Amino acid sequence: MANIKFNNIHKSFGSNKIISDFNLSGKDNEFLVLVGPSGCGKSTLLRMIAGLEKIDEGEIFINDQKINELHPSKRQTAMVFQSYALYPHMNVYENMSFGLKIEKRPKEEINSKVMEAAKILKIEELLERKPKQLSGGQRQRVAIGRAITRNPKIFLFDEPLSNLDAALRAEMRVEISKLHNQIKTNMIYVTHDQVEAMTLADRIVILNQGNIEQVGTPEEIYNDPANIFVAQFIGTPKMNILEIDEKNVISDNKIKLLGNDILLDNFKLNKSKHFVGIRPEHLKANQENQFTFNPDIELIENLGNEKIVYMKKEGHQLSAKIPSNIEIGNKIGFDLNDIFIFDENGKRLKS
């Protein structure tokens, strides 16, 4: 078992501040996913854990041992890169065993660890092949296998599936999840793909410009977003955000929204600007709902099992996710318990 802790981590490249006052405590055997837009600092954090980037300020602990000054080889971490980073002149067995040979491990131990990892990843028949003879998914399995042989306390994954096609990404997500369940080791996984984050994580850390926006389970992030950034980052299509200005606030807790007068119990809006969020999957067609509106439908994408409907109402652009077996009529509906209220700064208001 292992756990990781970040205390007041700061990192800059010249005048460009990448990580600012990052604090987080991991849990034993946790699958932790760092997610956020490009340039938010998630890969930099991973490289600081591995010892590939120097920490400007703060401390990182693994099992209560400070690792700031430890050589990368002494940190008991193993990193799987986006680019696989396999040696092209070595076969699969040699790639997987290379780190152990550098550590001068006994031959019997090396063989045992490589064969065990190959069995876990179902690549025993590939051990004599060179990387150029492998598919993208097979190469990534080899890269993961090389990490497994090191028997690390913490696995570090830096967008390992981004070079794969959609079908292979889905397959490898399942394999990585199975691997975590099987070997019971901490994994820290960096991605900008919200689907990977939601399907793999025990907890998700959402980053934006080097700062933590929210930490929580996938269910907490989806159902209880802290702000507009989190609400729109998780979910496809992203959450509809409707600006409610002073003319739409009827009273302290009553607003006009999409042609409906809506009473918001336990809210005080004080006639200021606010935002209302509605997820596309919570906009329903031809069903009995608390509130309805008649939109101007601009485009319908048919995805087979569902339709994405793009529409306009009162100057608001909206999207809805409708099951394919539901006909889209003149009315779209929603319920009060499916809307989110945010203040003028984008922070979620709770009743």
Protein backbone atom coordinates (compact mmCIF):
# COMPACT_ATOMS: atom_id res chain seq x y z
CA MET A 1 0.00 0.00 0.00
CA ALA A 2 1.09 3.56 -0.63
CA ASN A 3 -0.27 7.06 -0.40
CA ILE A 4 0.89 10.42 -1.66
CA LYS A 5 0.63 13.90 -0.20
CA PHE A 6 1.28 17.31 -1.76
CA ASN A 7 2.02 20.28 0.51
CA ASN A 8 1.92 23.80 -0.99
CA ILE A 9 3.46 22.84 -4.34
CA HIS A 10 4.53 25.68 -6.64
CA LYS A 11 6.13 25.39 -10.07
CA SER A 12 7.07 28.03 -12.64
CA PHE A 13 8.91 28.01 -15.95
CA GLY A 14 10.53 31.43 -16.05
CA SER A 15 7.78 34.00 -15.44
CA ASN A 16 5.06 31.49 -16.37
CA LYS A 17 3.46 30.06 -13.20
CA ILE A 18 2.26 26.51 -13.92
CA ILE A 19 1.29 25.17 -10.45
CA SER A 20 0.15 27.43 -7.64
CA ASP A 21 -0.20 26.30 -4.01
CA PHE A 22 -1.27 22.74 -4.84
CA ASN A 23 -2.41 20.73 -1.79
CA LEU A 24 -3.81 17.21 -1.91
CA SER A 25 -3.76 14.03 0.15
CA GLY A 26 -4.13 10.72 -1.65
CA LYS A 27 -5.50 7.48 -0.24
CA ASP A 28 -4.13 3.94 -0.10
CA ASN A 29 -4.51 1.99 -3.37
CA GLU A 30 -6.43 4.87 -4.93
CA PHE A 31 -6.92 5.46 -8.64
CA LEU A 32 -6.52 9.23 -8.80
CA VAL A 33 -7.15 11.03 -12.10
CA LEU A 34 -5.84 14.54 -12.81
CA VAL A 35 -7.96 16.13 -15.51
CA GLY A 36 -8.13 19.54 -17.08
CA PRO A 37 -7.51 21.48 -20.28
CA SER A 38 -4.13 21.54 -22.01
CA GLY A 39 -1.58 23.64 -20.14
CA CYS A 40 -3.28 23.38 -16.73
CA GLY A 41 -0.24 21.72 -15.09
CA LYS A 42 -1.36 18.11 -14.78
CA SER A 43 1.61 16.54 -16.65
CA THR A 44 4.01 18.83 -14.78
CA LEU A 45 2.66 17.48 -11.49
CA LEU A 46 3.25 13.93 -12.67
CA ARG A 47 6.81 14.73 -13.72
CA MET A 48 7.51 16.31 -10.31
CA ILE A 49 6.35 13.11 -8.61
CA ALA A 50 8.64 11.06 -10.86
CA GLY A 51 11.58 13.40 -10.28
CA LEU A 52 11.75 14.55 -13.90
CA GLU A 53 10.95 18.15 -12.92
CA LYS A 54 12.28 20.04 -9.92
CA ILE A 55 9.79 21.40 -7.37
CA ASP A 56 10.17 25.17 -6.85
CA GLU A 57 8.38 25.26 -3.49
CA GLY A 58 6.54 22.77 -1.29
CA GLU A 59 6.89 19.10 -0.47
CA ILE A 60 5.75 15.75 -1.88
CA PHE A 61 5.53 12.73 0.42
CA ILE A 62 5.08 9.05 -0.47
CA ASN A 63 4.19 6.99 2.61
CA ASP A 64 5.31 9.92 4.81
CA GLN A 65 8.75 9.98 3.17
CA LYS A 66 9.68 13.31 1.61
CA ILE A 67 10.83 12.66 -1.96
CA ASN A 68 11.81 16.15 -3.15
CA GLU A 69 15.52 15.42 -3.28
CA LEU A 70 15.37 11.68 -3.98
CA HIS A 71 16.82 10.48 -7.27
CA PRO A 72 14.06 9.29 -9.66
CA SER A 73 15.31 5.70 -9.37
CA LYS A 74 14.81 5.80 -5.60
CA ARG A 75 11.21 7.05 -5.57
CA GLN A 76 9.60 3.66 -6.27
CA THR A 77 7.42 5.13 -8.99
CA ALA A 78 6.99 3.91 -12.57
CA MET A 79 5.80 6.13 -15.40
CA VAL A 80 3.91 5.18 -18.55
CA PHE A 81 4.24 7.81 -21.25
CA GLN A 82 1.93 8.90 -24.07
CA SER A 83 4.63 8.01 -26.62
CA TYR A 84 5.25 4.47 -25.20
CA ALA A 85 9.04 5.21 -25.04
CA LEU A 86 10.04 1.68 -26.05
CA TYR A 87 13.56 0.85 -27.27
CA PRO A 88 13.11 0.05 -30.99
CA HIS A 89 16.14 -2.28 -31.21
CA MET A 90 14.95 -4.45 -28.29
CA ASN A 91 12.21 -7.06 -28.36
CA VAL A 92 9.29 -6.97 -25.94
CA TYR A 93 11.03 -9.17 -23.34
CA GLU A 94 14.14 -6.99 -23.43
CA ASN A 95 12.11 -3.79 -23.13
CA MET A 96 10.21 -5.12 -20.13
CA SER A 97 13.33 -6.42 -18.40
CA PHE A 98 15.65 -3.50 -19.12
CA GLY A 99 15.01 -1.58 -15.89
CA LEU A 100 15.56 -4.70 -13.81
CA LYS A 101 18.82 -5.43 -15.59
CA ILE A 102 20.03 -1.91 -14.86
CA GLU A 103 19.27 -2.58 -11.19
CA LYS A 104 21.33 -5.79 -11.51
CA ARG A 105 18.52 -8.05 -10.35
CA PRO A 106 19.10 -11.84 -10.56
CA LYS A 107 18.16 -13.44 -13.88
CA GLU A 108 15.59 -15.71 -12.26
CA GLU A 109 13.85 -12.72 -10.65
CA ILE A 110 13.89 -10.77 -13.91
CA ASN A 111 12.38 -13.67 -15.85
CA SER A 112 9.75 -14.27 -13.19
CA LYS A 113 8.65 -10.61 -13.11
CA VAL A 114 8.55 -10.25 -16.90
CA MET A 115 6.53 -13.44 -17.36
CA GLU A 116 4.13 -12.46 -14.59
CA ALA A 117 3.55 -9.02 -16.14
CA ALA A 118 3.15 -10.53 -19.61
CA LYS A 119 0.54 -12.94 -18.28
CA ILE A 120 -1.40 -10.14 -16.55
CA LEU A 121 -1.46 -8.12 -19.79
CA LYS A 122 -1.98 -11.13 -22.09
CA ILE A 123 1.11 -10.43 -24.21
CA GLU A 124 3.06 -13.70 -23.65
CA GLU A 125 3.01 -14.44 -27.38
CA LEU A 126 4.55 -11.04 -28.20
CA LEU A 127 7.74 -11.34 -26.15
CA GLU A 128 10.02 -11.98 -29.15
CA ARG A 129 8.63 -9.17 -31.30
CA LYS A 130 10.18 -5.74 -31.84
CA PRO A 131 8.06 -2.60 -31.20
CA LYS A 132 7.67 -1.92 -34.94
CA GLN A 133 5.85 -5.27 -35.24
CA LEU A 134 3.22 -4.26 -32.66
CA SER A 135 -0.01 -2.30 -32.88
CA GLY A 136 -0.51 0.86 -30.80
CA GLY A 137 -2.51 -1.03 -28.19
CA GLN A 138 0.12 -3.76 -27.94
CA ARG A 139 2.91 -1.19 -27.55
CA GLN A 140 1.01 0.46 -24.72
CA ARG A 141 0.57 -2.91 -23.01
CA VAL A 142 4.33 -3.42 -23.24
CA ALA A 143 4.95 0.02 -21.72
CA ILE A 144 2.57 -0.81 -18.87
CA GLY A 145 4.24 -4.22 -18.48
CA ARG A 146 7.64 -2.57 -18.15
CA ALA A 147 6.18 -0.46 -15.32
CA ILE A 148 4.66 -3.51 -13.60
CA THR A 149 8.00 -5.33 -13.48
CA ARG A 150 9.43 -2.50 -11.36
CA ASN A 151 6.84 -3.30 -8.66
CA PRO A 152 6.40 0.41 -7.89
CA LYS A 153 4.50 1.93 -5.01
CA ILE A 154 2.82 4.35 -7.43
CA PHE A 155 2.08 4.05 -11.15
CA LEU A 156 2.13 7.33 -13.08
CA PHE A 157 0.21 7.46 -16.38
CA ASP A 158 0.73 10.50 -18.63
CA GLU A 159 -2.13 10.49 -21.18
CA PRO A 160 -1.27 6.90 -22.15
CA LEU A 161 -4.23 6.38 -24.49
CA SER A 162 -4.23 9.62 -26.47
CA ASN A 163 -2.38 8.08 -29.44
CA LEU A 164 -4.92 5.27 -29.84
CA ASP A 165 -8.11 5.25 -31.90
CA ALA A 166 -11.49 5.46 -30.17
CA ALA A 167 -12.16 1.71 -30.10
CA LEU A 168 -8.70 0.90 -28.70
CA ARG A 169 -9.00 3.66 -26.09
CA ALA A 170 -12.22 2.12 -24.82
CA GLU A 171 -10.61 -1.35 -24.73
CA MET A 172 -7.49 -0.11 -22.92
CA ARG A 173 -9.57 1.82 -20.36
CA VAL A 174 -11.13 -1.47 -19.35
CA GLU A 175 -7.73 -3.18 -19.22
CA ILE A 176 -6.19 -0.46 -17.03
CA SER A 177 -9.17 -0.57 -14.69
CA LYS A 178 -8.87 -4.38 -14.42
CA LEU A 179 -5.14 -3.99 -13.80
CA HIS A 180 -5.76 -1.63 -10.90
CA ASN A 181 -8.25 -4.04 -9.35
CA GLN A 182 -5.80 -6.90 -9.77
CA ILE A 183 -2.55 -5.44 -8.47
CA LYS A 184 -4.04 -3.10 -5.81
CA THR A 185 -1.49 -0.31 -6.23
CA ASN A 186 -1.84 3.47 -6.30
CA MET A 187 -2.26 4.91 -9.77
CA ILE A 188 -2.14 8.58 -10.73
CA TYR A 189 -3.48 9.12 -14.22
CA VAL A 190 -3.29 12.32 -16.27
CA THR A 191 -5.77 12.98 -19.06
CA HIS A 192 -7.75 15.76 -20.72
CA ASP A 193 -10.45 13.21 -21.65
CA GLN A 194 -13.40 13.45 -19.29
CA VAL A 195 -14.67 9.98 -20.29
CA GLU A 196 -11.38 8.43 -19.12
CA ALA A 197 -11.61 10.44 -15.91
CA MET A 198 -15.17 9.41 -15.15
CA THR A 199 -14.75 5.71 -15.98
CA LEU A 200 -11.37 5.09 -14.33
CA ALA A 201 -11.18 7.28 -11.25
CA ASP A 202 -11.87 6.59 -7.62
CA ARG A 203 -11.44 10.36 -7.26
CA ILE A 204 -11.02 13.09 -9.86
CA VAL A 205 -8.92 16.23 -9.43
CA ILE A 206 -10.08 18.94 -11.83
CA LEU A 207 -7.33 21.45 -12.56
CA ASN A 208 -7.50 24.85 -14.22
CA GLN A 209 -4.46 27.10 -14.70
CA GLY A 210 -2.50 25.26 -12.02
CA ASN A 211 -5.24 25.43 -9.39
CA ILE A 212 -7.60 22.77 -8.07
CA GLU A 213 -11.20 23.55 -8.99
CA GLN A 214 -12.69 20.48 -7.29
CA VAL A 215 -11.77 17.05 -5.93
CA GLY A 216 -14.37 14.31 -5.66
CA THR A 217 -15.69 10.98 -6.86
CA PRO A 218 -17.08 10.90 -10.42
CA GLU A 219 -20.60 10.98 -8.97
CA GLU A 220 -19.80 14.03 -6.80
CA ILE A 221 -18.19 15.89 -9.69
CA TYR A 222 -21.15 15.22 -11.98
CA ASN A 223 -24.00 15.74 -9.51
CA ASP A 224 -22.50 18.46 -7.32
CA PRO A 225 -20.12 20.67 -9.37
CA ALA A 226 -18.45 23.47 -7.42
CA ASN A 227 -18.59 26.03 -10.23
CA ILE A 228 -19.36 26.62 -13.89
CA PHE A 229 -15.90 25.48 -15.03
CA VAL A 230 -16.36 22.04 -13.42
CA ALA A 231 -20.00 21.81 -14.51
CA GLN A 232 -19.10 22.40 -18.15
CA PHE A 233 -15.90 20.35 -18.15
CA ILE A 234 -17.69 17.13 -17.18
CA GLY A 235 -20.48 15.98 -19.48
CA THR A 236 -20.89 15.72 -23.27
CA PRO A 237 -22.31 17.90 -24.70
CA LYS A 238 -21.31 20.36 -22.00
CA MET A 239 -23.85 21.80 -19.59
CA ASN A 240 -26.08 24.58 -20.94
CA ILE A 241 -25.33 27.81 -19.07
CA LEU A 242 -28.01 30.53 -19.27
CA GLU A 243 -27.29 34.03 -18.01
CA ILE A 244 -30.02 35.48 -15.82
CA ASP A 245 -29.66 39.23 -15.50
CA GLU A 246 -31.60 41.74 -13.43
CA LYS A 247 -34.59 41.89 -15.79
CA ASN A 248 -35.11 38.12 -15.42
CA VAL A 249 -35.13 38.18 -11.59
CA ILE A 250 -38.74 38.64 -10.54
CA SER A 251 -38.03 38.58 -6.81
CA ASP A 252 -35.32 37.41 -4.41
CA ASN A 253 -36.08 33.77 -5.19
CA LYS A 254 -38.13 33.84 -8.38
CA ILE A 255 -36.78 34.03 -11.93
CA LYS A 256 -38.07 34.01 -15.48
CA LEU A 257 -36.35 31.22 -17.41
CA LEU A 258 -37.14 30.12 -20.97
CA GLY A 259 -40.63 31.63 -20.73
CA ASN A 260 -41.40 30.10 -17.30
CA ASP A 261 -41.73 31.78 -13.91
CA ILE A 262 -39.68 29.57 -11.58
CA LEU A 263 -39.72 29.73 -7.78
CA LEU A 264 -36.37 28.80 -6.27
CA ASP A 265 -36.98 27.86 -2.65
CA ASN A 266 -34.21 28.82 -0.20
CA PHE A 267 -32.30 31.02 -2.69
CA LYS A 268 -31.71 34.75 -2.40
CA LEU A 269 -30.78 36.17 -5.79
CA ASN A 270 -30.97 39.87 -4.82
CA LYS A 271 -31.68 41.07 -8.37
CA SER A 272 -28.04 40.55 -9.42
CA LYS A 273 -26.68 38.61 -12.40
CA HIS A 274 -26.71 34.81 -12.01
CA PHE A 275 -26.35 31.75 -14.20
CA VAL A 276 -28.60 28.71 -14.53
CA GLY A 277 -27.14 25.38 -15.65
CA ILE A 278 -29.11 22.55 -17.28
CA ARG A 279 -27.41 19.41 -18.56
CA PRO A 280 -28.39 18.35 -22.10
CA GLU A 281 -29.58 14.97 -20.81
CA HIS A 282 -32.01 16.75 -18.46
CA LEU A 283 -33.85 18.47 -21.30
CA LYS A 284 -36.65 16.10 -22.31
CA ALA A 285 -38.81 15.91 -25.45
CA ASN A 286 -42.53 15.11 -25.48
CA GLN A 287 -42.67 14.14 -21.82
CA GLU A 288 -44.55 15.51 -18.85
CA ASN A 289 -42.25 17.99 -17.16
CA GLN A 290 -42.57 20.73 -14.60
CA PHE A 291 -41.62 23.42 -17.13
CA THR A 292 -41.65 23.51 -20.94
CA PHE A 293 -40.60 25.85 -23.74
CA ASN A 294 -40.86 26.01 -27.52
CA PRO A 295 -37.37 26.30 -29.02
CA ASP A 296 -36.19 27.03 -32.55
CA ILE A 297 -34.42 23.79 -33.53
CA GLU A 298 -31.31 24.49 -35.61
CA LEU A 299 -29.69 21.05 -36.01
CA ILE A 300 -30.24 17.42 -35.01
CA GLU A 301 -27.31 14.98 -34.90
CA ASN A 302 -28.40 11.36 -34.98
CA LEU A 303 -25.87 9.19 -33.12
CA GLY A 304 -27.84 5.95 -33.37
CA ASN A 305 -28.83 5.42 -29.75
CA GLU A 306 -29.48 9.11 -29.14
CA LYS A 307 -29.93 12.46 -30.84
CA ILE A 308 -28.13 15.68 -30.01
CA VAL A 309 -30.51 18.58 -30.62
CA TYR A 310 -29.12 22.09 -31.02
CA MET A 311 -31.68 24.83 -30.47
CA LYS A 312 -32.22 28.47 -29.62
CA LYS A 313 -34.66 30.15 -27.22
CA GLU A 314 -34.78 33.81 -26.17
CA GLY A 315 -31.21 34.37 -27.32
CA HIS A 316 -29.90 31.31 -25.45
CA GLN A 317 -28.08 28.54 -27.35
CA LEU A 318 -28.96 25.11 -25.94
CA SER A 319 -28.27 21.47 -26.64
CA ALA A 320 -30.34 18.46 -25.59
CA LYS A 321 -29.50 14.76 -25.52
CA ILE A 322 -32.62 12.85 -26.53
CA PRO A 323 -33.02 9.04 -26.87
CA SER A 324 -33.42 8.06 -30.52
CA ASN A 325 -36.80 6.41 -29.93
CA ILE A 326 -38.30 9.72 -28.74
CA GLU A 327 -39.82 11.97 -31.39
CA ILE A 328 -38.88 15.63 -31.09
CA GLY A 329 -42.01 17.76 -31.11
CA ASN A 330 -42.69 21.42 -30.37
CA LYS A 331 -41.96 21.31 -26.66
CA ILE A 332 -38.85 20.67 -24.64
CA GLY A 333 -39.21 20.21 -20.88
CA PHE A 334 -37.16 20.26 -17.69
CA ASP A 335 -37.69 19.90 -13.95
CA LEU A 336 -36.67 22.21 -11.13
CA ASN A 337 -34.53 19.56 -9.41
CA ASP A 338 -32.39 19.26 -12.55
CA ILE A 339 -31.16 22.86 -12.67
CA PHE A 340 -28.05 24.37 -11.07
CA ILE A 341 -27.70 27.98 -9.88
CA PHE A 342 -24.39 29.86 -10.03
CA ASP A 343 -23.53 33.34 -8.80
CA GLU A 344 -22.06 36.11 -10.98
CA ASN A 345 -18.53 34.73 -10.36
CA GLY A 346 -19.53 31.22 -11.49
CA LYS A 347 -19.61 29.67 -8.01
CA ARG A 348 -22.37 27.12 -7.38
CA LEU A 349 -25.14 28.24 -5.03
CA LYS A 350 -26.75 25.59 -2.86
CA SER A 351 -30.14 25.76 -1.19
